[in-house]
């Protein structure tokens, strides 16, 4: 998306990326080169070990044909999670 990032602050973006940003009203903001901490944490947005439902575990690689199938799979997944949690409580 970024073609050039010069020391004087001039940033060169790809034309298609700028068209996309213009279409949705997004203002692109480049991070400092080689400064990972300025980018924020977006690589694993669903990773939170404290949540009841680990969405990443459910969503990764999921393919469904319609909303009913998605709902059925989500119900089965949450049921299994709750069941395994209850088994751990009573050990």
Protein backbone atom coordinates (compact mmCIF):
# COMPACT_ATOMS: atom_id res chain seq x y z
CA UNK A 1 0.00 0.00 0.00
CA UNK A 2 2.88 2.35 0.73
CA UNK A 3 5.33 2.74 -2.11
CA UNK A 4 7.72 5.26 -0.58
CA UNK A 5 8.21 6.73 2.87
CA UNK A 6 10.83 9.47 2.77
CA UNK A 7 12.58 11.15 5.67
CA UNK A 8 11.07 14.52 4.75
CA UNK A 9 7.60 13.14 5.51
CA UNK A 10 6.43 12.56 1.94
CA UNK A 11 4.56 9.26 1.67
CA UNK A 12 3.74 7.63 -1.66
CA UNK A 13 0.66 5.37 -1.68
CA UNK A 14 -0.56 2.99 -4.38
CA UNK A 15 -3.23 4.54 -6.61
CA UNK A 16 -5.73 1.72 -6.05
CA UNK A 17 -5.34 2.06 -2.29
CA UNK A 18 -6.05 5.80 -2.48
CA UNK A 19 -9.14 5.15 -4.61
CA UNK A 20 -10.36 2.65 -2.03
CA UNK A 21 -9.77 5.13 0.79
CA UNK A 22 -11.58 7.85 -1.12
CA UNK A 23 -14.53 5.58 -1.79
CA UNK A 24 -15.06 4.90 1.93
CA UNK A 25 -13.93 8.29 3.25
CA UNK A 26 -10.79 6.91 4.93
CA UNK A 27 -7.74 9.07 5.45
CA UNK A 28 -4.64 6.85 5.21
CA UNK A 29 -2.07 7.31 7.97
CA UNK A 30 1.35 5.71 7.64
CA UNK A 31 3.31 4.50 10.65
CA UNK A 32 6.96 5.22 11.14
CA UNK A 33 9.06 2.73 9.16
CA UNK A 34 10.41 -0.19 11.21
CA UNK A 35 8.49 0.89 14.32
CA UNK A 36 6.15 -1.99 15.11
CA UNK A 37 4.87 -0.41 18.33
CA UNK A 38 3.29 2.49 16.38
CA UNK A 39 1.09 0.13 14.36
CA UNK A 40 -1.13 -1.09 17.16
CA UNK A 41 -2.19 -4.64 17.78
CA UNK A 42 -4.29 -5.80 14.83
CA UNK A 43 -2.66 -9.09 13.90
CA UNK A 44 -4.85 -11.21 16.19
CA UNK A 45 -7.98 -9.19 16.93
CA UNK A 46 -9.94 -12.12 18.41
CA UNK A 47 -7.25 -13.41 20.76
CA UNK A 48 -8.31 -12.87 24.36
CA UNK A 49 -7.68 -15.82 26.67
CA UNK A 50 -10.15 -14.49 29.23
CA UNK A 51 -13.22 -14.67 26.98
CA UNK A 52 -15.78 -17.44 27.30
CA UNK A 53 -15.98 -17.95 23.56
CA UNK A 54 -12.69 -17.89 21.72
CA UNK A 55 -13.91 -16.55 18.38
CA UNK A 56 -10.65 -17.22 16.60
CA UNK A 57 -10.92 -20.90 17.41
CA UNK A 58 -14.43 -20.98 15.96
CA UNK A 59 -14.07 -18.70 12.95
CA UNK A 60 -10.73 -19.77 11.50
CA UNK A 61 -11.35 -21.87 8.39
CA UNK A 62 -15.13 -21.90 8.85
CA UNK A 63 -17.15 -22.29 5.66
CA UNK A 64 -20.93 -22.24 5.76
CA UNK A 65 -23.56 -22.11 3.07
CA UNK A 66 -26.11 -19.95 4.87
CA UNK A 67 -26.96 -18.21 8.13
CA UNK A 68 -28.85 -21.21 9.54
CA UNK A 69 -25.80 -23.43 9.19
CA UNK A 70 -23.65 -20.76 10.86
CA UNK A 71 -26.12 -20.49 13.72
CA UNK A 72 -26.23 -24.27 14.20
CA UNK A 73 -22.45 -24.55 14.24
CA UNK A 74 -22.13 -21.62 16.64
CA UNK A 75 -24.67 -23.22 18.99
CA UNK A 76 -22.83 -26.56 18.90
CA UNK A 77 -19.48 -24.86 19.50
CA UNK A 78 -20.70 -22.85 22.50
CA UNK A 79 -22.45 -25.93 23.90
CA UNK A 80 -19.21 -27.94 23.74
CA UNK A 81 -17.29 -25.08 25.36
CA UNK A 82 -19.79 -24.81 28.22
CA UNK A 83 -19.82 -28.58 28.71
CA UNK A 84 -16.03 -28.80 28.89
CA UNK A 85 -15.94 -25.92 31.37
CA UNK A 86 -18.50 -27.66 33.62
CA UNK A 87 -16.50 -30.89 33.54
CA UNK A 88 -13.41 -28.98 34.72
CA UNK A 89 -15.37 -27.41 37.60
CA UNK A 90 -16.45 -30.73 39.08
CA UNK A 91 -13.12 -32.54 39.02
